[in-house]
Amino acid sequence: MKLTVCTFRARHKAPCRLALILVVCILIPANFASASTRPGYGGTLRVQMSQRMLSNDPRQWPADSARASAVERVDALLFDRLTRLDDHATPQPALAVAWQHDVLSKRWQFRLREGVKFSDGAPLTPEVAAIALQQLLGNEFDVSANSDSVVILADHSLPDFPVMLAQGRYFIFRTEDDGSLSGTGPFRVAEWPSSASPAKIILTANETCWAGRPFVDRIELTMGVDPQQQANAIAFGQADVVELPASQVRRMAQRGVRTVSCDPVELLALEIDTARPGVQDVRVRQAISLSIDRGPIADVILQKQGNVAGSLLPNWISGYAHLFPISTNVQRAKELLIASGREVSHPTPLQLIYDSSDEEARGVAERVAVNLKEAGIAVQVSGQTDVGKSAAADMRLVRRRISTPDPGTALAELLNSFGEAGSEMETPEQTYAAERAPIDAFRIIPLVHLTESYGLSPQVRDWMPPRWGGWRLEGVWLGPLSTPGGSPQ
């Protein structure tokens, strides 16, 4: 604290004492304010999420992108990977402090950090790490251990292998005698719900975590909570961290709830089944694309919590999303329909389905149907519990979570989720071509890239997740409800 010394003439002794009192009165509250904003240990962080998970086992990784994202958030609290990504998608040390590879990038060696222990007290050894990775990487890889490192052999070149190991299921774990898993992460499992009633997970701080003890003592994570219930919970002080759908973010902010959003990380798109007679003709599919006005979908239905999309990847990941067209041209759509031979005046309605549990998807699907009707395409909209490929429909409105900022990996995962054949993506040009293929064929029609948003209680401090979404709850701490000035930190 810097002190400022003032001098006064002798005849001003009384004003001098008054000035000193005023200085003390100013400095004391300022000192208390500073103390109140210092990170503190302790407390229970109450978190809610809509997804349910029955297991924290990385070997049982969900195929669904949204569910996999939820599992990854929780597993990252319990386990660590060999590497991690910084905000520029550059691999950084985690359990591995250094790595090297051969000329062909087929043989990789990762030197492990010394002195790391699992939450059950067992030491991290190369042998344990190798066993975990072999189970996760599969038979296409040969994983072994030496004195201080894990060695991984592949039959193909892996120039970005450290990036791959920093994402997804590639957590290091140790299997205990009872079959449960132990990790090296900032928290450990204190209570896991039974499969019959997956409701609340209780995590407690790992006091011996190699990266340092987390600030909060305990996390209570309630799963399967409806989005509207989560919004009410954060508004009435019944939770500290909740997921907010796009349509709730502005409403919650207007109610005084603190909201935060990351860069767009979710794709909302139409997936068209080209085997269906009504949409086999590429001109019909192109007409569908040209009929859709994405602006009102993004601005009104989704409350400006995303960007209109003509590409699979958002621009902040690929850098070239602006090259994909997003314009609406109803007249051209009508011309294409006439050229295709489709009876515009009395068409057979196309079937458009959406997830019946997703209120935002319903609004988007109905808006798409209105747009298509203006072009002369009748659409029958219906909500279903399953909008996967097994569902019989001409069009499916789907959400796809983008879990990584690495363009090649993110695009490969997206294409795979749509059942699109992958191609080589070693260069930016190849990645761009691979992304264009299903869009130019109008098998996938991107609509909007959505942000991931959360509501936070006034007590939550230092919320600093990756720019591609998710949590970093190990760095969060709980402060008082308000600062001495009366406003949340």
Foldseek 3Di string as FASTA:
>chain_A
DDDDDDDDDPVCVVVVVVVVVVVVVVVVLVVQLVVQPDFAFEDEAEEEEQAFDQDLALLPADLAQVNNQVSQLVNQQFFAFQWAAALVLDTAGDQFHDKDADPQQFKIKTFGDPPFAWLVGHHDALQQLQVLQCSVVDPQWDWDHDHGIIMIGHPHHDPPVSSVRNDGSNTRWGQDPVRDIIHLHQWDWPDADHPVDGFWTKIAGSCRRPVHHFRYGIYIYTYNDAQVRQLVCQLVVNHFKYWHALVCQVVSVVSVFDKDWFAFFKWKWKFFDCVDVVNVDLLLLVLLQQLADLVCLCCPLRVVQWFWFQFPDDCVQLVCRVVGDRHHDLPSSLVSCVVVVADLVDHDAFEEEEAPSDPSRVVNVVNSQVSVVSSRHHYDYDYDNDQAPVDDGRIYTDMHGQGGSHLVVSLVSVCVRSVHDDDDDPDSVNSVVRGVVCSVSSSMGTRIRGITMMTGQLQWPDFDDRSSDHGDSSHIGGGPNPRPVRHRD
